Amino acid sequence: MKFEEKQIYINGNEVSYIDEGKPGGTPLIFIHGFPFNKSMWENQIDVLKENHRVIAYDVRGFGNSDPGTEENSILQFAKDLFLFMDAIQCDKAIICGLSMGGYIALNAILQQRARIAALILCDSQCLPDSEQAKKNRMDTIASIEKKGLTDYAGESIKKLFSETSLATKTEEVSFIEYTILDTSKEAICNTLMALANRKETCSTLYLIEVPVLIIVGKEDQITTPEVAKKMHELIPQSMLQVIDHAGHLSNLENPESFNLYLRTFLKRVG
């Protein structure tokens, strides 16, 4: 871990987080994708900490955060975000979520709009799982319970990264594979179920009144640029940036472009 890891207890559960940078102003909170943890944002924290307060936390059951006793759901994860903000005395924040983190952010803004100053949705979508996608998740759960995480991690890597990244970003690929293997089977299976059961948010996007940046890797196979474009069309104050040479993990695959778009957006929203 490049940065100091902090812990805070929320309703008896330990939540692990990073809190770096410049005090004052509106903090930026990063929410990781599935099945990763807060360390996936270290490059962005390093770049932004000189001018912003940047925070990244582990969603329940991931990284070093306790799983808690509540049933995993995207709605519960969104509630957890506000409980975390309360615990660190953060009234309002800019929220940046990748993939699952974006699902959480879109659910959160429906719950407490006044506490979110702006949204950054990275390689995410507003659509629910199709019936086939739900079946695939159930099959994955059965496979993990029977065989463990090794095959799952290997197959996931092929979908998460672009072909170019698989060949050239060996350190990042190894990091993500290790992160998956270091996560508990229970957390992964429970969250696969939560992802399968999540509700659509496309019908509510028109209600978003804060600035929104949508980022997507040009070669993202999971949440495609077409899906990102659809969200952009539905959100009034949104801008879309497509990142070359990147798949589903655009912040790791092309951090230079990702960070440039991030900094430009943050300057725009003040």
C-alpha atoms as a PDB file:
ATOM      1  CA  MET A   1       0.000   0.000   0.000  1.00  0.00           C
ATOM      2  CA  LYS A   2       1.519   3.295  -1.145  1.00  0.00           C
ATOM      3  CA  PHE A   3      -0.540   5.432   1.261  1.00  0.00           C
ATOM      4  CA  GLU A   4      -1.378   5.247   4.943  1.00  0.00           C
ATOM      5  CA  GLU A   5      -4.364   2.994   5.525  1.00  0.00           C
ATOM      6  CA  LYS A   6      -6.899   4.227   8.054  1.00  0.00           C
ATOM      7  CA  GLN A   7      -9.720   2.413   9.826  1.00  0.00           C
ATOM      8  CA  ILE A   8     -13.030   3.599  11.183  1.00  0.00           C
ATOM      9  CA  TYR A   9     -15.869   1.664  12.789  1.00  0.00           C
ATOM     10  CA  ILE A  10     -19.392   2.071  11.422  1.00  0.00           C
ATOM     11  CA  ASN A  11     -22.182   0.173  13.199  1.00  0.00           C
ATOM     12  CA  GLY A  12     -19.561  -2.186  14.608  1.00  0.00           C
ATOM     13  CA  ASN A  13     -17.950  -2.895  11.237  1.00  0.00           C
ATOM     14  CA  GLU A  14     -14.409  -1.826  10.402  1.00  0.00           C
ATOM     15  CA  VAL A  15     -14.072   0.178   7.198  1.00  0.00           C
ATOM     16  CA  SER A  16     -10.627   0.652   5.685  1.00  0.00           C
ATOM     17  CA  TYR A  17      -9.837   3.809   3.737  1.00  0.00           C
ATOM     18  CA  ILE A  18      -7.212   6.222   2.420  1.00  0.00           C
ATOM     19  CA  ASP A  19      -7.562   9.956   3.078  1.00  0.00           C
ATOM     20  CA  GLU A  20      -4.900  12.119   1.465  1.00  0.00           C
ATOM     21  CA  GLY A  21      -4.279  15.565   0.121  1.00  0.00           C
ATOM     22  CA  LYS A  22      -5.285  19.148   0.635  1.00  0.00           C
ATOM     23  CA  PRO A  23      -7.912  19.995   3.266  1.00  0.00           C
ATOM     24  CA  GLY A  24     -10.692  22.383   2.364  1.00  0.00           C
ATOM     25  CA  GLY A  25     -12.853  22.327  -0.714  1.00  0.00           C
ATOM     26  CA  THR A  26     -15.133  19.488  -1.728  1.00  0.00           C
ATOM     27  CA  PRO A  27     -13.510  16.065  -1.227  1.00  0.00           C
ATOM     28  CA  LEU A  28     -13.348  13.498  -4.011  1.00  0.00           C
ATOM     29  CA  ILE A  29     -14.362   9.975  -2.948  1.00  0.00           C
ATOM     30  CA  PHE A  30     -13.340   7.016  -5.111  1.00  0.00           C
ATOM     31  CA  ILE A  31     -15.414   3.803  -5.125  1.00  0.00           C
ATOM     32  CA  HIS A  32     -13.676   0.761  -6.553  1.00  0.00           C
ATOM     33  CA  GLY A  33     -15.047  -1.760  -9.028  1.00  0.00           C
ATOM     34  CA  PHE A  34     -15.790  -5.445  -8.538  1.00  0.00           C
ATOM     35  CA  PRO A  35     -13.991  -7.479  -7.282  1.00  0.00           C
ATOM     36  CA  PHE A  36     -11.214  -5.048  -6.386  1.00  0.00           C
ATOM     37  CA  ASN A  37     -10.407  -2.655  -3.542  1.00  0.00           C
ATOM     38  CA  LYS A  38      -9.316   0.912  -2.867  1.00  0.00           C
ATOM     39  CA  SER A  39      -5.726   0.281  -3.995  1.00  0.00           C
ATOM     40  CA  MET A  40      -6.852   0.398  -7.631  1.00  0.00           C
ATOM     41  CA  TRP A  41      -7.035   4.200  -7.253  1.00  0.00           C
ATOM     42  CA  GLU A  42      -3.488   4.809  -5.972  1.00  0.00           C
ATOM     43  CA  ASN A  43      -2.281   6.432  -9.200  1.00  0.00           C
ATOM     44  CA  GLN A  44      -5.182   8.889  -9.186  1.00  0.00           C
ATOM     45  CA  ILE A  45      -4.691   9.690  -5.497  1.00  0.00           C
ATOM     46  CA  ASP A  46      -1.004  10.342  -6.113  1.00  0.00           C
ATOM     47  CA  VAL A  47      -1.745  12.737  -8.980  1.00  0.00           C
ATOM     48  CA  LEU A  48      -4.579  14.637  -7.306  1.00  0.00           C
ATOM     49  CA  LYS A  49      -3.475  14.898  -3.669  1.00  0.00           C
ATOM     50  CA  GLU A  50      -1.493  18.108  -4.195  1.00  0.00           C
ATOM     51  CA  ASN A  51      -4.627  20.088  -5.009  1.00  0.00           C
ATOM     52  CA  HIS A  52      -7.531  18.061  -3.639  1.00  0.00           C
ATOM     53  CA  ARG A  53      -8.611  16.011  -0.663  1.00  0.00           C
ATOM     54  CA  VAL A  54      -8.898  12.507  -2.101  1.00  0.00           C
ATOM     55  CA  ILE A  55     -10.487   9.555  -0.320  1.00  0.00           C
ATOM     56  CA  ALA A  56     -10.828   5.913  -1.332  1.00  0.00           C
ATOM     57  CA  TYR A  57     -12.478   3.220   0.787  1.00  0.00           C
ATOM     58  CA  ASP A  58     -13.035  -0.518   0.666  1.00  0.00           C
ATOM     59  CA  VAL A  59     -16.647  -1.534   0.039  1.00  0.00           C
ATOM     60  CA  ARG A  60     -17.864  -4.000   2.685  1.00  0.00           C
ATOM     61  CA  GLY A  61     -16.227  -7.410   2.318  1.00  0.00           C
ATOM     62  CA  PHE A  62     -13.445  -6.144   0.034  1.00  0.00           C
ATOM     63  CA  GLY A  63      -9.891  -5.136   0.851  1.00  0.00           C
ATOM     64  CA  ASN A  64      -9.669  -4.678   4.606  1.00  0.00           C
ATOM     65  CA  SER A  65     -13.294  -3.738   5.291  1.00  0.00           C
ATOM     66  CA  ASP A  66     -15.500  -6.091   7.300  1.00  0.00           C
ATOM     67  CA  PRO A  67     -18.349  -7.793   5.403  1.00  0.00           C
ATOM     68  CA  GLY A  68     -20.988  -6.843   7.961  1.00  0.00           C
ATOM     69  CA  THR A  69     -24.168  -8.810   8.530  1.00  0.00           C
ATOM     70  CA  GLU A  70     -26.560  -7.075   6.120  1.00  0.00           C
ATOM     71  CA  GLU A  71     -27.359  -8.726   2.807  1.00  0.00           C
ATOM     72  CA  ASN A  72     -25.178  -7.426  -0.005  1.00  0.00           C
ATOM     73  CA  SER A  73     -27.011  -5.177  -2.443  1.00  0.00           C
ATOM     74  CA  ILE A  74     -26.158  -2.104  -4.490  1.00  0.00           C
ATOM     75  CA  LEU A  75     -28.745  -0.231  -2.425  1.00  0.00           C
ATOM     76  CA  GLN A  76     -26.964  -1.252   0.796  1.00  0.00           C
ATOM     77  CA  PHE A  77     -23.598  -0.235  -0.661  1.00  0.00           C
ATOM     78  CA  ALA A  78     -25.069   3.202  -1.440  1.00  0.00           C
ATOM     79  CA  LYS A  79     -26.328   3.517   2.154  1.00  0.00           C
ATOM     80  CA  ASP A  80     -22.839   2.505   3.314  1.00  0.00           C
ATOM     81  CA  LEU A  81     -21.350   5.389   1.326  1.00  0.00           C
ATOM     82  CA  PHE A  82     -23.361   7.952   3.303  1.00  0.00           C
ATOM     83  CA  LEU A  83     -22.653   6.198   6.604  1.00  0.00           C
ATOM     84  CA  PHE A  84     -18.954   6.398   5.722  1.00  0.00           C
ATOM     85  CA  MET A  85     -19.261  10.084   4.833  1.00  0.00           C
ATOM     86  CA  ASP A  86     -21.002  10.707   8.162  1.00  0.00           C
ATOM     87  CA  ALA A  87     -18.266   8.862  10.031  1.00  0.00           C
ATOM     88  CA  ILE A  88     -15.460  10.932   8.480  1.00  0.00           C
ATOM     89  CA  GLN A  89     -17.525  14.136   8.866  1.00  0.00           C
ATOM     90  CA  CYS A  90     -17.909  14.761   5.153  1.00  0.00           C
ATOM     91  CA  ASP A  91     -21.152  16.585   4.365  1.00  0.00           C
ATOM     92  CA  LYS A  92     -20.756  16.706   0.594  1.00  0.00           C
ATOM     93  CA  ALA A  93     -18.425  15.107  -1.936  1.00  0.00           C
ATOM     94  CA  ILE A  94     -17.671  14.498  -5.569  1.00  0.00           C
ATOM     95  CA  ILE A  95     -18.132  10.764  -6.162  1.00  0.00           C
ATOM     96  CA  CYS A  96     -16.047   8.798  -8.654  1.00  0.00           C
ATOM     97  CA  GLY A  97     -17.030   5.164  -9.194  1.00  0.00           C
ATOM     98  CA  LEU A  98     -15.750   2.576 -11.625  1.00  0.00           C
ATOM     99  CA  SER A  99     -18.060  -0.216 -12.814  1.00  0.00           C
ATOM    100  CA  MET A 100     -19.767  -1.406  -9.599  1.00  0.00           C
ATOM    101  CA  GLY A 101     -18.625   1.864  -8.033  1.00  0.00           C
ATOM    102  CA  GLY A 102     -20.668   3.657 -10.686  1.00  0.00           C
ATOM    103  CA  TYR A 103     -23.743   1.562  -9.851  1.00  0.00           C
ATOM    104  CA  ILE A 104     -23.289   2.574  -6.217  1.00  0.00           C
ATOM    105  CA  ALA A 105     -22.909   6.248  -7.155  1.00  0.00           C
ATOM    106  CA  LEU A 106     -26.070   6.239  -9.283  1.00  0.00           C
ATOM    107  CA  ASN A 107     -28.052   4.657  -6.450  1.00  0.00           C
ATOM    108  CA  ALA A 108     -26.550   7.080  -3.942  1.00  0.00           C
ATOM    109  CA  ILE A 109     -27.582  10.214  -5.812  1.00  0.00           C
ATOM    110  CA  LEU A 110     -31.169   8.940  -5.786  1.00  0.00           C
ATOM    111  CA  GLN A 111     -30.997   8.595  -1.993  1.00  0.00           C
ATOM    112  CA  GLN A 112     -29.376  11.904  -0.992  1.00  0.00           C
ATOM    113  CA  ARG A 113     -28.913  14.240  -3.945  1.00  0.00           C
ATOM    114  CA  ALA A 114     -27.869  17.219  -1.831  1.00  0.00           C
ATOM    115  CA  ARG A 115     -24.732  15.438  -0.603  1.00  0.00           C
ATOM    116  CA  ILE A 116     -23.240  14.790  -4.032  1.00  0.00           C
ATOM    117  CA  ALA A 117     -21.598  17.762  -5.758  1.00  0.00           C
ATOM    118  CA  ALA A 118     -20.681  15.960  -8.970  1.00  0.00           C
ATOM    119  CA  LEU A 119     -20.388  12.454 -10.391  1.00  0.00           C
ATOM    120  CA  ILE A 120     -17.655  10.674 -12.315  1.00  0.00           C
ATOM    121  CA  LEU A 121     -18.908   7.417 -13.811  1.00  0.00           C
ATOM    122  CA  CYS A 122     -16.122   5.231 -15.166  1.00  0.00           C
ATOM    123  CA  ASP A 123     -16.738   2.126 -17.282  1.00  0.00           C
ATOM    124  CA  SER A 124     -20.178   1.763 -15.762  1.00  0.00           C
ATOM    125  CA  GLN A 125     -23.807   1.641 -16.888  1.00  0.00           C
ATOM    126  CA  CYS A 126     -27.403   2.251 -15.845  1.00  0.00           C
ATOM    127  CA  LEU A 127     -28.813  -0.983 -17.285  1.00  0.00           C
ATOM    128  CA  PRO A 128     -29.720  -4.026 -15.168  1.00  0.00           C
ATOM    129  CA  ASP A 129     -28.400  -7.494 -15.924  1.00  0.00           C
ATOM    130  CA  SER A 130     -30.086  -9.294 -18.797  1.00  0.00           C
ATOM    131  CA  GLU A 131     -31.509 -12.737 -18.075  1.00  0.00           C
ATOM    132  CA  GLN A 132     -28.454 -14.282 -19.724  1.00  0.00           C
ATOM    133  CA  ALA A 133     -26.108 -12.132 -17.648  1.00  0.00           C
ATOM    134  CA  LYS A 134     -27.929 -13.207 -14.484  1.00  0.00           C
ATOM    135  CA  LYS A 135     -27.577 -16.852 -15.484  1.00  0.00           C
ATOM    136  CA  ASN A 136     -23.872 -16.323 -16.155  1.00  0.00           C
ATOM    137  CA  ARG A 137     -23.419 -14.865 -12.675  1.00  0.00           C
ATOM    138  CA  MET A 138     -25.226 -17.821 -11.091  1.00  0.00           C
ATOM    139  CA  ASP A 139     -23.014 -20.220 -13.073  1.00  0.00           C
ATOM    140  CA  THR A 140     -19.952 -18.287 -11.901  1.00  0.00           C
ATOM    141  CA  ILE A 141     -21.061 -18.564  -8.274  1.00  0.00           C
ATOM    142  CA  ALA A 142     -21.503 -22.320  -8.661  1.00  0.00           C
ATOM    143  CA  SER A 143     -18.075 -22.640 -10.260  1.00  0.00           C
ATOM    144  CA  ILE A 144     -16.349 -20.583  -7.529  1.00  0.00           C
ATOM    145  CA  GLU A 145     -18.032 -22.575  -4.773  1.00  0.00           C
ATOM    146  CA  LYS A 146     -16.877 -25.805  -6.404  1.00  0.00           C
ATOM    147  CA  LYS A 147     -13.400 -24.930  -7.721  1.00  0.00           C
ATOM    148  CA  GLY A 148     -12.297 -21.745  -5.948  1.00  0.00           C
ATOM    149  CA  LEU A 149     -11.113 -18.466  -7.462  1.00  0.00           C
ATOM    150  CA  THR A 150      -8.182 -19.451  -9.693  1.00  0.00           C
ATOM    151  CA  ASP A 151     -10.160 -20.132 -12.883  1.00  0.00           C
ATOM    152  CA  TYR A 152     -12.473 -17.198 -12.194  1.00  0.00           C
ATOM    153  CA  ALA A 153      -9.549 -14.785 -11.825  1.00  0.00           C
ATOM    154  CA  GLY A 154      -7.929 -15.999 -15.030  1.00  0.00           C
ATOM    155  CA  GLU A 155     -11.129 -15.683 -17.052  1.00  0.00           C
ATOM    156  CA  SER A 156     -11.938 -12.277 -15.556  1.00  0.00           C
ATOM    157  CA  ILE A 157      -8.581 -10.843 -16.578  1.00  0.00           C
ATOM    158  CA  LYS A 158      -9.286 -11.618 -20.244  1.00  0.00           C
ATOM    159  CA  LYS A 159     -12.482  -9.546 -20.125  1.00  0.00           C
ATOM    160  CA  LEU A 160     -11.283  -6.709 -17.925  1.00  0.00           C
ATOM    161  CA  PHE A 161      -8.289  -5.609 -19.997  1.00  0.00           C
ATOM    162  CA  SER A 162      -7.933  -4.701 -23.658  1.00  0.00           C
ATOM    163  CA  GLU A 163      -5.793  -6.976 -25.816  1.00  0.00           C
ATOM    164  CA  THR A 164      -3.065  -4.335 -25.881  1.00  0.00           C
ATOM    165  CA  SER A 165      -3.054  -4.045 -22.093  1.00  0.00           C
ATOM    166  CA  LEU A 166      -2.891  -7.821 -21.668  1.00  0.00           C
ATOM    167  CA  ALA A 167       0.291  -7.802 -23.741  1.00  0.00           C
ATOM    168  CA  THR A 168       1.933  -4.634 -22.407  1.00  0.00           C
ATOM    169  CA  LYS A 169       0.522  -3.832 -18.929  1.00  0.00           C
ATOM    170  CA  THR A 170       1.838  -6.963 -17.239  1.00  0.00           C
ATOM    171  CA  GLU A 171       2.290  -5.305 -13.837  1.00  0.00           C
ATOM    172  CA  GLU A 172      -1.290  -3.997 -13.808  1.00  0.00           C
ATOM    173  CA  VAL A 173      -2.661  -7.349 -14.994  1.00  0.00           C
ATOM    174  CA  SER A 174      -0.783  -9.205 -12.259  1.00  0.00           C
ATOM    175  CA  PHE A 175      -1.947  -6.672  -9.670  1.00  0.00           C
ATOM    176  CA  ILE A 176      -5.613  -7.168 -10.567  1.00  0.00           C
ATOM    177  CA  GLU A 177      -5.293 -10.939 -10.691  1.00  0.00           C
ATOM    178  CA  TYR A 178      -3.684 -10.932  -7.244  1.00  0.00           C
ATOM    179  CA  THR A 179      -6.404  -8.601  -5.935  1.00  0.00           C
ATOM    180  CA  ILE A 180      -9.133 -10.985  -7.095  1.00  0.00           C
ATOM    181  CA  LEU A 181      -7.382 -14.020  -5.615  1.00  0.00           C
ATOM    182  CA  ASP A 182      -6.864 -12.170  -2.335  1.00  0.00           C
ATOM    183  CA  THR A 183     -10.609 -11.500  -1.959  1.00  0.00           C
ATOM    184  CA  SER A 184     -12.788 -13.967  -0.066  1.00  0.00           C
ATOM    185  CA  LYS A 185     -15.007 -16.340  -2.025  1.00  0.00           C
ATOM    186  CA  GLU A 186     -17.932 -15.270   0.142  1.00  0.00           C
ATOM    187  CA  ALA A 187     -17.530 -11.583  -0.732  1.00  0.00           C
ATOM    188  CA  ILE A 188     -17.282 -12.329  -4.435  1.00  0.00           C
ATOM    189  CA  CYS A 189     -20.253 -14.722  -4.518  1.00  0.00           C
ATOM    190  CA  ASN A 190     -22.457 -12.474  -2.372  1.00  0.00           C
ATOM    191  CA  THR A 191     -21.646  -9.466  -4.541  1.00  0.00           C
ATOM    192  CA  LEU A 192     -22.218 -11.380  -7.774  1.00  0.00           C
ATOM    193  CA  MET A 193     -25.731 -11.976  -6.440  1.00  0.00           C
ATOM    194  CA  ALA A 194     -26.082  -8.272  -5.611  1.00  0.00           C
ATOM    195  CA  LEU A 195     -25.002  -7.303  -9.124  1.00  0.00           C
ATOM    196  CA  ALA A 196     -27.460  -9.755 -10.652  1.00  0.00           C
ATOM    197  CA  ASN A 197     -30.318  -8.333  -8.573  1.00  0.00           C
ATOM    198  CA  ARG A 198     -29.590  -4.648  -9.086  1.00  0.00           C
ATOM    199  CA  LYS A 199     -32.290  -2.395 -10.550  1.00  0.00           C
ATOM    200  CA  GLU A 200     -31.955  -0.197 -13.595  1.00  0.00           C
ATOM    201  CA  THR A 201     -31.247   3.510 -13.077  1.00  0.00           C
ATOM    202  CA  CYS A 202     -31.583   4.650 -16.706  1.00  0.00           C
ATOM    203  CA  SER A 203     -35.121   5.943 -16.117  1.00  0.00           C
ATOM    204  CA  THR A 204     -33.878   8.310 -13.403  1.00  0.00           C
ATOM    205  CA  LEU A 205     -30.835   9.795 -15.135  1.00  0.00           C
ATOM    206  CA  TYR A 206     -32.772  12.852 -16.294  1.00  0.00           C
ATOM    207  CA  LEU A 207     -33.171  13.823 -12.629  1.00  0.00           C
ATOM    208  CA  ILE A 208     -29.420  14.287 -12.114  1.00  0.00           C
ATOM    209  CA  GLU A 209     -28.746  18.018 -11.808  1.00  0.00           C
ATOM    210  CA  VAL A 210     -25.036  17.998 -10.947  1.00  0.00           C
ATOM    211  CA  PRO A 211     -22.132  17.945 -13.420  1.00  0.00           C
ATOM    212  CA  VAL A 212     -21.290  14.424 -14.589  1.00  0.00           C
ATOM    213  CA  LEU A 213     -18.205  13.080 -16.320  1.00  0.00           C
ATOM    214  CA  ILE A 214     -18.589   9.733 -18.071  1.00  0.00           C
ATOM    215  CA  ILE A 215     -15.362   7.885 -18.899  1.00  0.00           C
ATOM    216  CA  VAL A 216     -15.125   4.626 -20.840  1.00  0.00           C
ATOM    217  CA  GLY A 217     -12.325   2.585 -22.355  1.00  0.00           C
ATOM    218  CA  LYS A 218     -12.599   2.386 -26.134  1.00  0.00           C
ATOM    219  CA  GLU A 219     -12.152  -1.402 -25.964  1.00  0.00           C
ATOM    220  CA  ASP A 220     -14.367  -2.012 -22.914  1.00  0.00           C
ATOM    221  CA  GLN A 221     -16.167  -5.326 -23.507  1.00  0.00           C
ATOM    222  CA  ILE A 222     -18.202  -5.215 -20.285  1.00  0.00           C
ATOM    223  CA  THR A 223     -19.703  -1.713 -20.314  1.00  0.00           C
ATOM    224  CA  THR A 224     -19.191  -0.630 -23.888  1.00  0.00           C
ATOM    225  CA  PRO A 225     -18.742   2.895 -25.290  1.00  0.00           C
ATOM    226  CA  GLU A 226     -22.237   2.553 -26.798  1.00  0.00           C
ATOM    227  CA  VAL A 227     -23.689   2.099 -23.305  1.00  0.00           C
ATOM    228  CA  ALA A 228     -21.697   5.094 -22.043  1.00  0.00           C
ATOM    229  CA  LYS A 229     -22.977   7.212 -24.935  1.00  0.00           C
ATOM    230  CA  LYS A 230     -26.554   6.300 -24.025  1.00  0.00           C
ATOM    231  CA  MET A 231     -25.991   7.475 -20.434  1.00  0.00           C
ATOM    232  CA  HIS A 232     -24.442  10.692 -21.743  1.00  0.00           C
ATOM    233  CA  GLU A 233     -27.564  11.346 -23.828  1.00  0.00           C
ATOM    234  CA  LEU A 234     -29.820  10.802 -20.801  1.00  0.00           C
ATOM    235  CA  ILE A 235     -27.917  12.930 -18.257  1.00  0.00           C
ATOM    236  CA  PRO A 236     -28.434  16.684 -18.840  1.00  0.00           C
ATOM    237  CA  GLN A 237     -25.127  18.075 -17.514  1.00  0.00           C
ATOM    238  CA  SER A 238     -22.823  15.297 -18.676  1.00  0.00           C
ATOM    239  CA  MET A 239     -19.719  15.036 -20.785  1.00  0.00           C
ATOM    240  CA  LEU A 240     -18.317  11.856 -22.315  1.00  0.00           C
ATOM    241  CA  GLN A 241     -14.656  10.916 -22.751  1.00  0.00           C
ATOM    242  CA  VAL A 242     -13.602   7.722 -24.543  1.00  0.00           C
ATOM    243  CA  ILE A 243     -10.120   6.526 -23.624  1.00  0.00           C
ATOM    244  CA  ASP A 244      -7.939   4.907 -26.264  1.00  0.00           C
ATOM    245  CA  HIS A 245      -5.888   1.774 -25.542  1.00  0.00           C
ATOM    246  CA  ALA A 246      -8.118   0.807 -22.617  1.00  0.00           C
ATOM    247  CA  GLY A 247     -10.714  -1.782 -21.746  1.00  0.00           C
ATOM    248  CA  HIS A 248     -12.843  -1.959 -18.589  1.00  0.00           C
ATOM    249  CA  LEU A 249     -10.090  -0.705 -16.252  1.00  0.00           C
ATOM    250  CA  SER A 250      -9.374   2.574 -17.992  1.00  0.00           C
ATOM    251  CA  ASN A 251      -7.781   4.210 -14.935  1.00  0.00           C
ATOM    252  CA  LEU A 252      -5.104   1.479 -14.859  1.00  0.00           C
ATOM    253  CA  GLU A 253      -4.694   0.883 -18.584  1.00  0.00           C
ATOM    254  CA  ASN A 254      -4.303   4.487 -19.714  1.00  0.00           C
ATOM    255  CA  PRO A 255      -3.800   6.545 -16.538  1.00  0.00           C
ATOM    256  CA  GLU A 256      -2.336   9.504 -18.421  1.00  0.00           C
ATOM    257  CA  SER A 257      -5.529  10.156 -20.400  1.00  0.00           C
ATOM    258  CA  PHE A 258      -7.768   9.163 -17.487  1.00  0.00           C
ATOM    259  CA  ASN A 259      -6.041  11.560 -15.104  1.00  0.00           C
ATOM    260  CA  LEU A 260      -6.077  14.389 -17.655  1.00  0.00           C
ATOM    261  CA  TYR A 261      -9.856  14.112 -18.079  1.00  0.00           C
ATOM    262  CA  LEU A 262     -10.281  13.834 -14.327  1.00  0.00           C
ATOM    263  CA  ARG A 263      -8.239  16.943 -13.574  1.00  0.00           C
ATOM    264  CA  THR A 264      -9.959  18.952 -16.310  1.00  0.00           C
ATOM    265  CA  PHE A 265     -13.370  18.016 -14.936  1.00  0.00           C
ATOM    266  CA  LEU A 266     -12.407  18.808 -11.343  1.00  0.00           C
ATOM    267  CA  LYS A 267     -11.143  22.217 -12.425  1.00  0.00           C
ATOM    268  CA  ARG A 268     -14.456  22.813 -14.207  1.00  0.00           C
ATOM    269  CA  VAL A 269     -16.575  21.954 -11.151  1.00  0.00           C
ATOM    270  CA  GLY A 270     -14.320  23.920  -8.822  1.00  0.00           C
END
